[in-house]
């Protein structure tokens, strides 16, 4: 990476593939140029030797931070992540997440059916 380079990771929901399309870019803050990463190519590797890193330490840190921020903004959480906030705040967060799913959510009919069943169950309890 060059002086002034800044890694950006952007994602876009790809409902037809049930996932996200991801773009990794490097923006140079000095001259304003933007470079886009090509699709990753995976090659078999002899584990008897250390692999060449995809990114050096500084770029690796920038990439991981940018990827984590992007994933969080898209609603992804670490596999074993648990919300440690107090009950009321956690409930409000869950409510907001439900609202996001309603507005931006997946087009997965089984997910909608499950949500409707839950809503019917809540209505019966009242």
Protein backbone atom coordinates (compact mmCIF):
# COMPACT_ATOMS: atom_id res chain seq x y z
CA UNK A 1 0.00 0.00 0.00
CA UNK A 2 1.09 3.54 -0.66
CA UNK A 3 1.17 6.56 1.59
CA UNK A 4 -2.37 7.91 1.99
CA UNK A 5 -4.06 4.62 1.06
CA UNK A 6 -7.16 3.70 3.03
CA UNK A 7 -8.98 0.34 2.75
CA UNK A 8 -12.76 0.38 2.42
CA UNK A 9 -15.07 -2.64 2.47
CA UNK A 10 -18.62 -2.23 1.17
CA UNK A 11 -21.39 -4.80 1.00
CA UNK A 12 -24.73 -4.95 -0.71
CA UNK A 13 -27.51 -7.37 0.11
CA UNK A 14 -27.87 -10.00 -2.64
CA UNK A 15 -31.24 -11.53 -1.73
CA UNK A 16 -31.32 -13.72 -4.82
CA UNK A 17 -28.19 -15.46 -3.49
CA UNK A 18 -29.19 -15.17 0.20
CA UNK A 19 -26.06 -13.30 1.11
CA UNK A 20 -24.00 -10.22 0.42
CA UNK A 21 -21.94 -8.98 -2.51
CA UNK A 22 -18.70 -7.48 -1.21
CA UNK A 23 -16.32 -4.94 -2.74
CA UNK A 24 -12.88 -4.20 -1.27
CA UNK A 25 -11.35 -0.92 -2.39
CA UNK A 26 -8.31 1.16 -1.60
CA UNK A 27 -8.79 4.90 -1.75
CA UNK A 28 -5.74 7.14 -1.86
CA UNK A 29 -6.52 10.21 0.22
CA UNK A 30 -3.68 12.18 -1.41
CA UNK A 31 -4.61 11.91 -5.11
CA UNK A 32 -8.24 10.67 -4.76
CA UNK A 33 -7.65 7.53 -6.84
CA UNK A 34 -9.60 4.36 -6.10
CA UNK A 35 -8.45 0.80 -6.75
CA UNK A 36 -10.83 -2.17 -6.55
CA UNK A 37 -9.64 -5.62 -5.47
CA UNK A 38 -10.13 -8.42 -7.96
CA UNK A 39 -11.96 -11.57 -6.83
CA UNK A 40 -9.85 -13.69 -4.51
CA UNK A 41 -8.17 -16.74 -5.98
CA UNK A 42 -7.50 -19.66 -3.66
CA UNK A 43 -4.61 -21.98 -4.42
CA UNK A 44 -3.67 -25.26 -2.76
CA UNK A 45 -0.83 -24.73 -0.33
CA UNK A 46 1.82 -27.06 1.07
CA UNK A 47 1.35 -26.64 4.82
CA UNK A 48 5.02 -27.48 5.40
CA UNK A 49 5.76 -23.86 4.45
CA UNK A 50 4.47 -20.56 5.81
CA UNK A 51 2.07 -18.87 3.41
CA UNK A 52 2.72 -15.39 2.07
CA UNK A 53 0.26 -13.08 3.88
CA UNK A 54 -2.54 -11.57 1.80
CA UNK A 55 -1.96 -8.27 3.64
CA UNK A 56 1.00 -7.01 5.67
CA UNK A 57 0.42 -6.04 9.31
CA UNK A 58 -0.76 -2.45 8.75
CA UNK A 59 -2.96 -3.27 5.75
CA UNK A 60 -4.21 -6.42 7.49
CA UNK A 61 -5.35 -4.40 10.48
CA UNK A 62 -7.08 -1.84 8.22
CA UNK A 63 -8.77 -4.57 6.20
CA UNK A 64 -10.04 -6.48 9.23
CA UNK A 65 -11.36 -3.29 10.84
CA UNK A 66 -13.09 -2.21 7.62
CA UNK A 67 -14.54 -5.70 7.07
CA UNK A 68 -15.77 -5.92 10.67
CA UNK A 69 -17.39 -2.46 10.48
CA UNK A 70 -19.08 -3.31 7.20
CA UNK A 71 -20.34 -6.68 8.46
CA UNK A 72 -21.72 -5.06 11.62
CA UNK A 73 -23.53 -2.40 9.58
CA UNK A 74 -25.07 -5.17 7.47
CA UNK A 75 -26.41 -6.86 10.61
CA UNK A 76 -23.85 -9.67 10.92
CA UNK A 77 -22.45 -10.52 14.35
CA UNK A 78 -19.58 -12.76 15.47
CA UNK A 79 -20.62 -16.41 15.71
CA UNK A 80 -20.59 -16.60 19.53
CA UNK A 81 -21.51 -12.97 20.19
CA UNK A 82 -23.98 -12.33 23.01
CA UNK A 83 -25.62 -9.01 23.75
CA UNK A 84 -24.45 -7.95 27.22
CA UNK A 85 -26.62 -4.82 27.49
CA UNK A 86 -29.22 -4.52 30.30
CA UNK A 87 -32.63 -6.08 29.61
CA UNK A 88 -34.62 -3.02 28.52
CA UNK A 89 -31.89 -1.77 26.21
CA UNK A 90 -31.39 -5.27 24.79
CA UNK A 91 -35.16 -5.56 24.17
CA UNK A 92 -35.18 -2.18 22.42
CA UNK A 93 -32.22 -3.33 20.29
CA UNK A 94 -34.06 -6.54 19.39
CA UNK A 95 -37.14 -4.50 18.48
CA UNK A 96 -35.10 -2.21 16.23
CA UNK A 97 -33.48 -5.25 14.60
CA UNK A 98 -36.95 -6.71 13.96
CA UNK A 99 -38.02 -3.41 12.38
CA UNK A 100 -34.92 -3.45 10.17
CA UNK A 101 -35.80 -6.97 9.06
CA UNK A 102 -39.34 -5.86 8.20
CA UNK A 103 -38.10 -2.91 6.17
CA UNK A 104 -34.87 -4.26 4.66
CA UNK A 105 -35.32 -7.94 5.44
CA UNK A 106 -34.85 -11.03 3.40
CA UNK A 107 -37.35 -12.24 0.88
CA UNK A 108 -37.33 -15.68 2.48
CA UNK A 109 -40.99 -16.85 2.60
CA UNK A 110 -40.32 -19.36 5.38
CA UNK A 111 -38.84 -16.57 7.51
CA UNK A 112 -41.96 -14.47 6.96
CA UNK A 113 -44.19 -17.44 7.79
CA UNK A 114 -42.28 -18.04 11.02
CA UNK A 115 -42.55 -14.37 11.95
CA UNK A 116 -46.31 -14.41 11.27
CA UNK A 117 -46.68 -17.46 13.51
CA UNK A 118 -44.83 -15.65 16.28
CA UNK A 119 -47.06 -12.60 15.87
CA UNK A 120 -50.18 -14.77 16.02
CA UNK A 121 -48.87 -16.37 19.21
CA UNK A 122 -48.30 -12.93 20.77
CA UNK A 123 -51.79 -11.79 19.76
CA UNK A 124 -53.37 -14.88 21.39
CA UNK A 125 -51.60 -14.23 24.70
CA UNK A 126 -53.03 -10.71 24.96
